[in-house]
Amino acid sequence: MSQQYFSFPQIDPVIFSLGKIEIFGSTFEPAIRWYGLMYLIGFLGALLLLNKMADRKGSGWSREQVSDLLFYGFLGVVLGGRIGYVLFYQFPLFIENPLYLFRITDGGMSFHGGLLGVILAMIYIAKVQKRTFFAVADVVAPTVPIGLGFGRLGNFINGELWGRVTDSPIGMVFPGGGPDPRHPSQLYQFALEGVALFMLLYWFSRKTNKPGAVSGMFLIGYGIFRFIVEFFRQPDAHLGLLSMGFSMGQWLSVPMILLGSWLVWGYKAKGTKA
């Protein structure tokens, strides 16, 4: 094993604490954390991008409609992410104790579950605002990598979701990850699922007017990038690698790539030419 590796920068996940507060006999210690701040920055970035789109003449969107879209999208991320994590990654524990679903202080969020939650939110917004589903989804898709990217930076600061053991010079020793250097896979995900995917969708959204194509490209791009990164990311300890040596994240990405490919090259919306 190479002795040349990076040490994890000891960043306190808590920016500052508000002290202990006692409410109805229970003690709480509210704090501002980097992880939460990263998601807030991602949310504000999406809001800025969507407001800029709404302000363009003929966009068909108002800032109020954008605000509603982000609110329900946020609920979809949080609820879908938690439910998806429990069902995809902790199902035996859920069967043993269904109340585990509500133990949010234990952590655990799934992107694929969050995606399903956002899809439900977009279906609701499309119905309320009398739009087609893809009129909503194609607007949302380019903003998602902003939250994904900053979320992965939050994972890195927390020293969680680290990668597999490596003797590469870019290996890093993480607290809780043992003495061996590991891939900083959170930074790989930031670069691919955040920066690269945003650039891809920003470019592609200006090259096509086909309904569903931008959404499809998001599914393809994220699915491929996540599939690649999973080769470097440490598999969940209780799941390990599944059939064919693939992780759960890789198996969940396969249908995303297939569906995205159909939307980009096979799907034909009503009233559009092939």
C-alpha atoms as a PDB file:
ATOM      1  CA  MET A   1       0.000   0.000   0.000  1.00  0.00           C
ATOM      2  CA  SER A   2       1.396   3.376  -0.993  1.00  0.00           C
ATOM      3  CA  GLN A   3       2.333   5.650   1.905  1.00  0.00           C
ATOM      4  CA  GLN A   4       1.675   8.779  -0.155  1.00  0.00           C
ATOM      5  CA  TYR A   5      -1.868   9.884   0.427  1.00  0.00           C
ATOM      6  CA  PHE A   6      -3.893  12.851   1.542  1.00  0.00           C
ATOM      7  CA  SER A   7      -5.153  13.343   5.061  1.00  0.00           C
ATOM      8  CA  PHE A   8      -8.791  14.260   5.438  1.00  0.00           C
ATOM      9  CA  PRO A   9      -9.125  17.973   6.248  1.00  0.00           C
ATOM     10  CA  GLN A  10     -10.629  18.008   9.722  1.00  0.00           C
ATOM     11  CA  ILE A  11     -13.600  20.285   9.080  1.00  0.00           C
ATOM     12  CA  ASP A  12     -16.065  20.598  11.933  1.00  0.00           C
ATOM     13  CA  PRO A  13     -19.452  19.632  10.396  1.00  0.00           C
ATOM     14  CA  VAL A  14     -21.052  22.184  12.742  1.00  0.00           C
ATOM     15  CA  ILE A  15     -20.529  25.789  11.647  1.00  0.00           C
ATOM     16  CA  PHE A  16     -21.800  27.091  14.972  1.00  0.00           C
ATOM     17  CA  SER A  17     -24.082  25.850  17.727  1.00  0.00           C
ATOM     18  CA  LEU A  18     -26.944  27.799  19.235  1.00  0.00           C
ATOM     19  CA  GLY A  19     -26.483  26.155  22.626  1.00  0.00           C
ATOM     20  CA  LYS A  20     -28.739  23.802  24.511  1.00  0.00           C
ATOM     21  CA  ILE A  21     -32.445  24.540  24.600  1.00  0.00           C
ATOM     22  CA  GLU A  22     -34.921  22.724  26.821  1.00  0.00           C
ATOM     23  CA  ILE A  23     -38.496  22.370  25.550  1.00  0.00           C
ATOM     24  CA  PHE A  24     -41.150  20.406  27.468  1.00  0.00           C
ATOM     25  CA  GLY A  25     -38.501  18.533  29.401  1.00  0.00           C
ATOM     26  CA  SER A  26     -36.454  17.565  26.319  1.00  0.00           C
ATOM     27  CA  THR A  27     -33.061  19.074  25.589  1.00  0.00           C
ATOM     28  CA  PHE A  28     -32.151  20.125  22.070  1.00  0.00           C
ATOM     29  CA  GLU A  29     -28.931  21.554  20.716  1.00  0.00           C
ATOM     30  CA  PRO A  30     -29.791  23.339  17.444  1.00  0.00           C
ATOM     31  CA  ALA A  31     -26.844  24.048  15.207  1.00  0.00           C
ATOM     32  CA  ILE A  32     -26.023  25.309  11.736  1.00  0.00           C
ATOM     33  CA  ARG A  33     -24.242  22.518   9.848  1.00  0.00           C
ATOM     34  CA  TRP A  34     -22.252  22.563   6.642  1.00  0.00           C
ATOM     35  CA  TYR A  35     -24.363  19.721   5.233  1.00  0.00           C
ATOM     36  CA  GLY A  36     -27.574  21.692   5.626  1.00  0.00           C
ATOM     37  CA  LEU A  37     -25.915  24.829   4.285  1.00  0.00           C
ATOM     38  CA  MET A  38     -24.814  22.973   1.147  1.00  0.00           C
ATOM     39  CA  TYR A  39     -28.398  21.934   0.424  1.00  0.00           C
ATOM     40  CA  LEU A  40     -29.589  25.470   1.071  1.00  0.00           C
ATOM     41  CA  ILE A  41     -27.043  26.791  -1.439  1.00  0.00           C
ATOM     42  CA  GLY A  42     -28.217  24.179  -3.936  1.00  0.00           C
ATOM     43  CA  PHE A  43     -31.833  25.216  -3.392  1.00  0.00           C
ATOM     44  CA  LEU A  44     -30.989  28.908  -3.831  1.00  0.00           C
ATOM     45  CA  GLY A  45     -29.001  28.114  -6.975  1.00  0.00           C
ATOM     46  CA  ALA A  46     -31.997  26.300  -8.462  1.00  0.00           C
ATOM     47  CA  LEU A  47     -34.264  29.185  -7.457  1.00  0.00           C
ATOM     48  CA  LEU A  48     -31.955  31.699  -9.132  1.00  0.00           C
ATOM     49  CA  LEU A  49     -31.811  29.677 -12.353  1.00  0.00           C
ATOM     50  CA  LEU A  50     -35.567  29.114 -12.498  1.00  0.00           C
ATOM     51  CA  ASN A  51     -36.366  32.747 -11.710  1.00  0.00           C
ATOM     52  CA  LYS A  52     -34.050  33.805 -14.510  1.00  0.00           C
ATOM     53  CA  MET A  53     -35.950  31.462 -16.831  1.00  0.00           C
ATOM     54  CA  ALA A  54     -39.326  32.786 -15.619  1.00  0.00           C
ATOM     55  CA  ASP A  55     -38.257  36.384 -16.252  1.00  0.00           C
ATOM     56  CA  ARG A  56     -37.566  35.701 -19.922  1.00  0.00           C
ATOM     57  CA  LYS A  57     -40.272  36.977 -22.232  1.00  0.00           C
ATOM     58  CA  GLY A  58     -42.622  34.214 -23.340  1.00  0.00           C
ATOM     59  CA  SER A  59     -41.333  31.672 -20.815  1.00  0.00           C
ATOM     60  CA  GLY A  60     -44.864  30.825 -19.700  1.00  0.00           C
ATOM     61  CA  TRP A  61     -43.742  30.802 -16.083  1.00  0.00           C
ATOM     62  CA  SER A  62     -44.082  33.282 -13.231  1.00  0.00           C
ATOM     63  CA  ARG A  63     -41.881  33.547 -10.152  1.00  0.00           C
ATOM     64  CA  GLU A  64     -44.819  32.445  -7.999  1.00  0.00           C
ATOM     65  CA  GLN A  65     -45.221  29.279 -10.060  1.00  0.00           C
ATOM     66  CA  VAL A  66     -41.493  28.624  -9.770  1.00  0.00           C
ATOM     67  CA  SER A  67     -41.727  29.061  -6.002  1.00  0.00           C
ATOM     68  CA  ASP A  68     -44.543  26.491  -5.806  1.00  0.00           C
ATOM     69  CA  LEU A  69     -42.563  24.095  -7.977  1.00  0.00           C
ATOM     70  CA  LEU A  70     -39.500  24.306  -5.740  1.00  0.00           C
ATOM     71  CA  PHE A  71     -41.543  23.946  -2.550  1.00  0.00           C
ATOM     72  CA  TYR A  72     -43.196  20.707  -3.636  1.00  0.00           C
ATOM     73  CA  GLY A  73     -39.977  19.528  -5.236  1.00  0.00           C
ATOM     74  CA  PHE A  74     -38.202  20.026  -1.895  1.00  0.00           C
ATOM     75  CA  LEU A  75     -40.872  17.957  -0.141  1.00  0.00           C
ATOM     76  CA  GLY A  76     -40.433  15.269  -2.781  1.00  0.00           C
ATOM     77  CA  VAL A  77     -36.674  15.175  -2.221  1.00  0.00           C
ATOM     78  CA  VAL A  78     -36.938  14.912   1.570  1.00  0.00           C
ATOM     79  CA  LEU A  79     -39.849  12.464   1.820  1.00  0.00           C
ATOM     80  CA  GLY A  80     -38.914  10.406  -1.227  1.00  0.00           C
ATOM     81  CA  GLY A  81     -35.250  10.345  -0.255  1.00  0.00           C
ATOM     82  CA  ARG A  82     -36.006   9.028   3.226  1.00  0.00           C
ATOM     83  CA  ILE A  83     -38.634   6.497   2.150  1.00  0.00           C
ATOM     84  CA  GLY A  84     -36.438   5.333  -0.720  1.00  0.00           C
ATOM     85  CA  TYR A  85     -33.437   4.845   1.555  1.00  0.00           C
ATOM     86  CA  VAL A  86     -35.467   2.752   3.993  1.00  0.00           C
ATOM     87  CA  LEU A  87     -37.085   0.609   1.286  1.00  0.00           C
ATOM     88  CA  PHE A  88     -34.041   0.221  -0.991  1.00  0.00           C
ATOM     89  CA  TYR A  89     -31.271  -0.073   1.586  1.00  0.00           C
ATOM     90  CA  GLN A  90     -32.817  -0.904   4.977  1.00  0.00           C
ATOM     91  CA  PHE A  91     -35.902  -2.951   4.099  1.00  0.00           C
ATOM     92  CA  PRO A  92     -35.251  -5.817   6.578  1.00  0.00           C
ATOM     93  CA  LEU A  93     -34.844  -3.246   9.353  1.00  0.00           C
ATOM     94  CA  PHE A  94     -38.082  -1.564   8.291  1.00  0.00           C
ATOM     95  CA  ILE A  95     -39.959  -4.879   8.362  1.00  0.00           C
ATOM     96  CA  GLU A  96     -38.587  -5.541  11.836  1.00  0.00           C
ATOM     97  CA  ASN A  97     -39.478  -2.055  13.065  1.00  0.00           C
ATOM     98  CA  PRO A  98     -41.662   0.130  10.766  1.00  0.00           C
ATOM     99  CA  LEU A  99     -41.045   3.132  13.029  1.00  0.00           C
ATOM    100  CA  TYR A 100     -37.456   3.131  11.753  1.00  0.00           C
ATOM    101  CA  LEU A 101     -38.830   5.150   8.836  1.00  0.00           C
ATOM    102  CA  PHE A 102     -39.227   8.106  11.180  1.00  0.00           C
ATOM    103  CA  ARG A 103     -35.804   7.843  12.840  1.00  0.00           C
ATOM    104  CA  ILE A 104     -34.416  10.623  10.688  1.00  0.00           C
ATOM    105  CA  THR A 105     -31.759  11.470  13.270  1.00  0.00           C
ATOM    106  CA  ASP A 106     -30.041   8.197  12.262  1.00  0.00           C
ATOM    107  CA  GLY A 107     -29.501   9.649   8.792  1.00  0.00           C
ATOM    108  CA  GLY A 108     -30.063   7.967   5.466  1.00  0.00           C
ATOM    109  CA  MET A 109     -31.277   9.447   2.180  1.00  0.00           C
ATOM    110  CA  SER A 110     -31.525   7.849  -1.258  1.00  0.00           C
ATOM    111  CA  PHE A 111     -31.136   9.814  -4.479  1.00  0.00           C
ATOM    112  CA  HIS A 112     -33.265   7.358  -6.415  1.00  0.00           C
ATOM    113  CA  GLY A 113     -36.020   7.635  -3.800  1.00  0.00           C
ATOM    114  CA  GLY A 114     -35.719  11.416  -3.877  1.00  0.00           C
ATOM    115  CA  LEU A 115     -36.028  11.307  -7.660  1.00  0.00           C
ATOM    116  CA  LEU A 116     -39.302   9.375  -7.406  1.00  0.00           C
ATOM    117  CA  GLY A 117     -40.521  11.935  -4.871  1.00  0.00           C
ATOM    118  CA  VAL A 118     -39.665  14.798  -7.223  1.00  0.00           C
ATOM    119  CA  ILE A 119     -41.450  13.035 -10.088  1.00  0.00           C
ATOM    120  CA  LEU A 120     -44.621  12.857  -7.984  1.00  0.00           C
ATOM    121  CA  ALA A 121     -44.222  16.546  -7.124  1.00  0.00           C
ATOM    122  CA  MET A 122     -43.862  17.425 -10.805  1.00  0.00           C
ATOM    123  CA  ILE A 123     -46.967  15.412 -11.673  1.00  0.00           C
ATOM    124  CA  TYR A 124     -48.882  17.391  -9.053  1.00  0.00           C
ATOM    125  CA  ILE A 125     -47.558  20.763 -10.289  1.00  0.00           C
ATOM    126  CA  ALA A 126     -48.318  19.844 -13.901  1.00  0.00           C
ATOM    127  CA  LYS A 127     -51.914  19.037 -12.949  1.00  0.00           C
ATOM    128  CA  VAL A 128     -52.429  22.169 -10.818  1.00  0.00           C
ATOM    129  CA  GLN A 129     -50.807  24.531 -13.325  1.00  0.00           C
ATOM    130  CA  LYS A 130     -52.383  22.746 -16.302  1.00  0.00           C
ATOM    131  CA  ARG A 131     -49.131  21.865 -18.004  1.00  0.00           C
ATOM    132  CA  THR A 132     -47.826  18.664 -19.517  1.00  0.00           C
ATOM    133  CA  PHE A 133     -45.542  16.627 -17.301  1.00  0.00           C
ATOM    134  CA  PHE A 134     -42.509  17.204 -19.512  1.00  0.00           C
ATOM    135  CA  ALA A 135     -43.179  20.949 -19.650  1.00  0.00           C
ATOM    136  CA  VAL A 136     -42.373  20.829 -15.936  1.00  0.00           C
ATOM    137  CA  ALA A 137     -39.721  18.097 -15.909  1.00  0.00           C
ATOM    138  CA  ASP A 138     -37.632  19.606 -18.724  1.00  0.00           C
ATOM    139  CA  VAL A 139     -37.455  22.883 -16.781  1.00  0.00           C
ATOM    140  CA  VAL A 140     -36.498  21.192 -13.517  1.00  0.00           C
ATOM    141  CA  ALA A 141     -33.869  18.785 -14.889  1.00  0.00           C
ATOM    142  CA  PRO A 142     -31.025  21.293 -15.478  1.00  0.00           C
ATOM    143  CA  THR A 143     -31.348  22.596 -11.900  1.00  0.00           C
ATOM    144  CA  VAL A 144     -31.036  19.220 -10.171  1.00  0.00           C
ATOM    145  CA  PRO A 145     -27.227  18.889 -10.549  1.00  0.00           C
ATOM    146  CA  ILE A 146     -26.811  22.088  -8.522  1.00  0.00           C
ATOM    147  CA  GLY A 147     -28.317  20.455  -5.446  1.00  0.00           C
ATOM    148  CA  LEU A 148     -26.577  17.156  -6.181  1.00  0.00           C
ATOM    149  CA  GLY A 149     -23.171  18.790  -6.442  1.00  0.00           C
ATOM    150  CA  PHE A 150     -23.399  20.825  -3.260  1.00  0.00           C
ATOM    151  CA  GLY A 151     -24.934  17.840  -1.459  1.00  0.00           C
ATOM    152  CA  ARG A 152     -21.860  15.768  -2.305  1.00  0.00           C
ATOM    153  CA  LEU A 153     -19.632  18.513  -0.927  1.00  0.00           C
ATOM    154  CA  GLY A 154     -21.683  18.247   2.263  1.00  0.00           C
ATOM    155  CA  ASN A 155     -21.024  14.499   2.324  1.00  0.00           C
ATOM    156  CA  PHE A 156     -17.304  15.167   1.978  1.00  0.00           C
ATOM    157  CA  ILE A 157     -17.245  17.725   4.790  1.00  0.00           C
ATOM    158  CA  ASN A 158     -19.097  15.245   6.998  1.00  0.00           C
ATOM    159  CA  GLY A 159     -16.504  12.590   6.158  1.00  0.00           C
ATOM    160  CA  GLU A 160     -19.230  10.153   5.048  1.00  0.00           C
ATOM    161  CA  LEU A 161     -19.929   8.004   1.980  1.00  0.00           C
ATOM    162  CA  TRP A 162     -16.227   7.627   1.337  1.00  0.00           C
ATOM    163  CA  GLY A 163     -14.806   5.387  -1.371  1.00  0.00           C
ATOM    164  CA  ARG A 164     -13.099   2.029  -1.541  1.00  0.00           C
ATOM    165  CA  VAL A 165      -9.576   1.375  -0.315  1.00  0.00           C
ATOM    166  CA  THR A 166      -6.947   2.416  -2.853  1.00  0.00           C
ATOM    167  CA  ASP A 167      -3.187   2.682  -3.195  1.00  0.00           C
ATOM    168  CA  SER A 168      -3.630   5.597  -5.599  1.00  0.00           C
ATOM    169  CA  PRO A 169      -1.791   8.832  -4.715  1.00  0.00           C
ATOM    170  CA  ILE A 170      -5.157  10.581  -4.517  1.00  0.00           C
ATOM    171  CA  GLY A 171      -6.288   8.264  -1.719  1.00  0.00           C
ATOM    172  CA  MET A 172      -7.419   9.866   1.523  1.00  0.00           C
ATOM    173  CA  VAL A 173      -7.752   8.565   5.083  1.00  0.00           C
ATOM    174  CA  PHE A 174     -11.240   9.306   6.382  1.00  0.00           C
ATOM    175  CA  PRO A 175     -12.326   9.344  10.026  1.00  0.00           C
ATOM    176  CA  GLY A 176     -14.270   6.142  10.598  1.00  0.00           C
ATOM    177  CA  GLY A 177     -12.941   4.635   7.378  1.00  0.00           C
ATOM    178  CA  GLY A 178     -10.069   2.735   8.933  1.00  0.00           C
ATOM    179  CA  PRO A 179      -6.330   3.349   8.580  1.00  0.00           C
ATOM    180  CA  ASP A 180      -6.163   2.739   4.821  1.00  0.00           C
ATOM    181  CA  PRO A 181      -6.497   5.521   2.228  1.00  0.00           C
ATOM    182  CA  ARG A 182      -9.735   5.531   0.260  1.00  0.00           C
ATOM    183  CA  HIS A 183     -11.046   7.165  -2.878  1.00  0.00           C
ATOM    184  CA  PRO A 184     -12.623  10.575  -2.121  1.00  0.00           C
ATOM    185  CA  SER A 185     -15.651   9.417  -4.101  1.00  0.00           C
ATOM    186  CA  GLN A 186     -17.791  12.293  -2.817  1.00  0.00           C
ATOM    187  CA  LEU A 187     -15.553  14.654  -4.816  1.00  0.00           C
ATOM    188  CA  TYR A 188     -15.842  12.415  -7.878  1.00  0.00           C
ATOM    189  CA  GLN A 189     -19.619  12.660  -7.552  1.00  0.00           C
ATOM    190  CA  PHE A 190     -19.423  16.427  -7.105  1.00  0.00           C
ATOM    191  CA  ALA A 191     -17.406  16.695 -10.318  1.00  0.00           C
ATOM    192  CA  LEU A 192     -19.551  14.305 -12.377  1.00  0.00           C
ATOM    193  CA  GLU A 193     -23.093  14.470 -10.959  1.00  0.00           C
ATOM    194  CA  GLY A 194     -22.750  18.154 -10.136  1.00  0.00           C
ATOM    195  CA  VAL A 195     -20.473  20.099 -12.470  1.00  0.00           C
ATOM    196  CA  ALA A 196     -20.326  17.846 -15.550  1.00  0.00           C
ATOM    197  CA  LEU A 197     -24.020  16.960 -15.500  1.00  0.00           C
ATOM    198  CA  PHE A 198     -25.034  20.615 -15.110  1.00  0.00           C
ATOM    199  CA  MET A 199     -22.888  21.643 -18.071  1.00  0.00           C
ATOM    200  CA  LEU A 200     -24.258  18.783 -20.174  1.00  0.00           C
ATOM    201  CA  LEU A 201     -27.897  19.662 -19.449  1.00  0.00           C
ATOM    202  CA  TYR A 202     -27.362  23.411 -19.777  1.00  0.00           C
ATOM    203  CA  TRP A 203     -25.912  22.828 -23.246  1.00  0.00           C
ATOM    204  CA  PHE A 204     -28.408  20.181 -24.314  1.00  0.00           C
ATOM    205  CA  SER A 205     -31.445  22.184 -23.200  1.00  0.00           C
ATOM    206  CA  ARG A 206     -30.473  24.830 -25.749  1.00  0.00           C
ATOM    207  CA  LYS A 207     -30.093  22.306 -28.553  1.00  0.00           C
ATOM    208  CA  THR A 208     -33.506  20.622 -28.427  1.00  0.00           C
ATOM    209  CA  ASN A 209     -37.185  21.508 -28.171  1.00  0.00           C
ATOM    210  CA  LYS A 210     -38.387  17.924 -28.056  1.00  0.00           C
ATOM    211  CA  PRO A 211     -40.614  17.279 -25.009  1.00  0.00           C
ATOM    212  CA  GLY A 212     -38.940  14.845 -22.614  1.00  0.00           C
ATOM    213  CA  ALA A 213     -35.510  15.045 -24.231  1.00  0.00           C
ATOM    214  CA  VAL A 214     -33.882  17.158 -21.499  1.00  0.00           C
ATOM    215  CA  SER A 215     -35.401  14.938 -18.818  1.00  0.00           C
ATOM    216  CA  GLY A 216     -34.132  11.912 -20.695  1.00  0.00           C
ATOM    217  CA  MET A 217     -30.636  13.338 -20.968  1.00  0.00           C
ATOM    218  CA  PHE A 218     -30.651  13.936 -17.227  1.00  0.00           C
ATOM    219  CA  LEU A 219     -31.522  10.286 -16.606  1.00  0.00           C
ATOM    220  CA  ILE A 220     -28.818   9.116 -19.007  1.00  0.00           C
ATOM    221  CA  GLY A 221     -26.157  11.453 -17.662  1.00  0.00           C
ATOM    222  CA  TYR A 222     -26.835  10.820 -13.999  1.00  0.00           C
ATOM    223  CA  GLY A 223     -27.254   7.084 -14.533  1.00  0.00           C
ATOM    224  CA  ILE A 224     -23.919   6.759 -16.350  1.00  0.00           C
ATOM    225  CA  PHE A 225     -22.006   9.018 -13.953  1.00  0.00           C
ATOM    226  CA  ARG A 226     -23.427   7.258 -10.893  1.00  0.00           C
ATOM    227  CA  PHE A 227     -22.709   3.842 -12.417  1.00  0.00           C
ATOM    228  CA  ILE A 228     -19.073   4.850 -12.975  1.00  0.00           C
ATOM    229  CA  VAL A 229     -18.559   6.369  -9.523  1.00  0.00           C
ATOM    230  CA  GLU A 230     -19.986   3.281  -7.822  1.00  0.00           C
ATOM    231  CA  PHE A 231     -16.829   1.404  -8.882  1.00  0.00           C
ATOM    232  CA  PHE A 232     -14.909   3.723  -6.541  1.00  0.00           C
ATOM    233  CA  ARG A 233     -17.514   4.262  -3.802  1.00  0.00           C
ATOM    234  CA  GLN A 234     -17.641   1.911  -0.812  1.00  0.00           C
ATOM    235  CA  PRO A 235     -20.745  -0.297  -1.071  1.00  0.00           C
ATOM    236  CA  ASP A 236     -23.217  -0.250   1.809  1.00  0.00           C
ATOM    237  CA  ALA A 237     -21.857  -2.600   4.468  1.00  0.00           C
ATOM    238  CA  HIS A 238     -25.153  -4.462   4.970  1.00  0.00           C
ATOM    239  CA  LEU A 239     -25.680  -4.936   1.213  1.00  0.00           C
ATOM    240  CA  GLY A 240     -22.217  -5.276  -0.266  1.00  0.00           C
ATOM    241  CA  LEU A 241     -22.053  -6.050  -3.964  1.00  0.00           C
ATOM    242  CA  LEU A 242     -25.065  -7.719  -5.538  1.00  0.00           C
ATOM    243  CA  SER A 243     -25.364  -9.929  -8.632  1.00  0.00           C
ATOM    244  CA  MET A 244     -22.724  -9.505 -11.352  1.00  0.00           C
ATOM    245  CA  GLY A 245     -20.602  -7.627  -8.818  1.00  0.00           C
ATOM    246  CA  PHE A 246     -22.685  -4.463  -9.110  1.00  0.00           C
ATOM    247  CA  SER A 247     -23.808  -2.317  -6.193  1.00  0.00           C
ATOM    248  CA  MET A 248     -27.387  -1.319  -5.412  1.00  0.00           C
ATOM    249  CA  GLY A 249     -26.650   2.165  -6.759  1.00  0.00           C
ATOM    250  CA  GLN A 250     -25.553   0.672 -10.078  1.00  0.00           C
ATOM    251  CA  TRP A 251     -28.591  -1.568 -10.408  1.00  0.00           C
ATOM    252  CA  LEU A 252     -30.895   1.365  -9.661  1.00  0.00           C
ATOM    253  CA  SER A 253     -29.101   3.421 -12.320  1.00  0.00           C
ATOM    254  CA  VAL A 254     -29.642   0.900 -15.130  1.00  0.00           C
ATOM    255  CA  PRO A 255     -33.392   1.568 -15.587  1.00  0.00           C
ATOM    256  CA  MET A 256     -32.635   5.314 -15.485  1.00  0.00           C
ATOM    257  CA  ILE A 257     -30.265   4.964 -18.441  1.00  0.00           C
ATOM    258  CA  LEU A 258     -32.727   2.810 -20.388  1.00  0.00           C
ATOM    259  CA  LEU A 259     -35.687   5.124 -19.761  1.00  0.00           C
ATOM    260  CA  GLY A 260     -33.594   8.191 -20.548  1.00  0.00           C
ATOM    261  CA  SER A 261     -32.436   6.674 -23.842  1.00  0.00           C
ATOM    262  CA  TRP A 262     -36.052   6.014 -24.834  1.00  0.00           C
ATOM    263  CA  LEU A 263     -37.061   9.578 -23.982  1.00  0.00           C
ATOM    264  CA  VAL A 264     -34.230  11.103 -26.016  1.00  0.00           C
ATOM    265  CA  TRP A 265     -34.358   8.844 -29.073  1.00  0.00           C
ATOM    266  CA  GLY A 266     -37.596   6.829 -29.015  1.00  0.00           C
ATOM    267  CA  TYR A 267     -40.327   8.857 -27.355  1.00  0.00           C
ATOM    268  CA  LYS A 268     -42.691  10.880 -29.539  1.00  0.00           C
ATOM    269  CA  ALA A 269     -44.960  13.343 -27.769  1.00  0.00           C
ATOM    270  CA  LYS A 270     -48.426  14.098 -29.118  1.00  0.00           C
ATOM    271  CA  GLY A 271     -48.384  16.769 -31.746  1.00  0.00           C
ATOM    272  CA  THR A 272     -44.678  16.502 -32.439  1.00  0.00           C
ATOM    273  CA  LYS A 273     -42.882  15.084 -35.425  1.00  0.00           C
ATOM    274  CA  ALA A 274     -40.520  12.177 -35.020  1.00  0.00           C
END
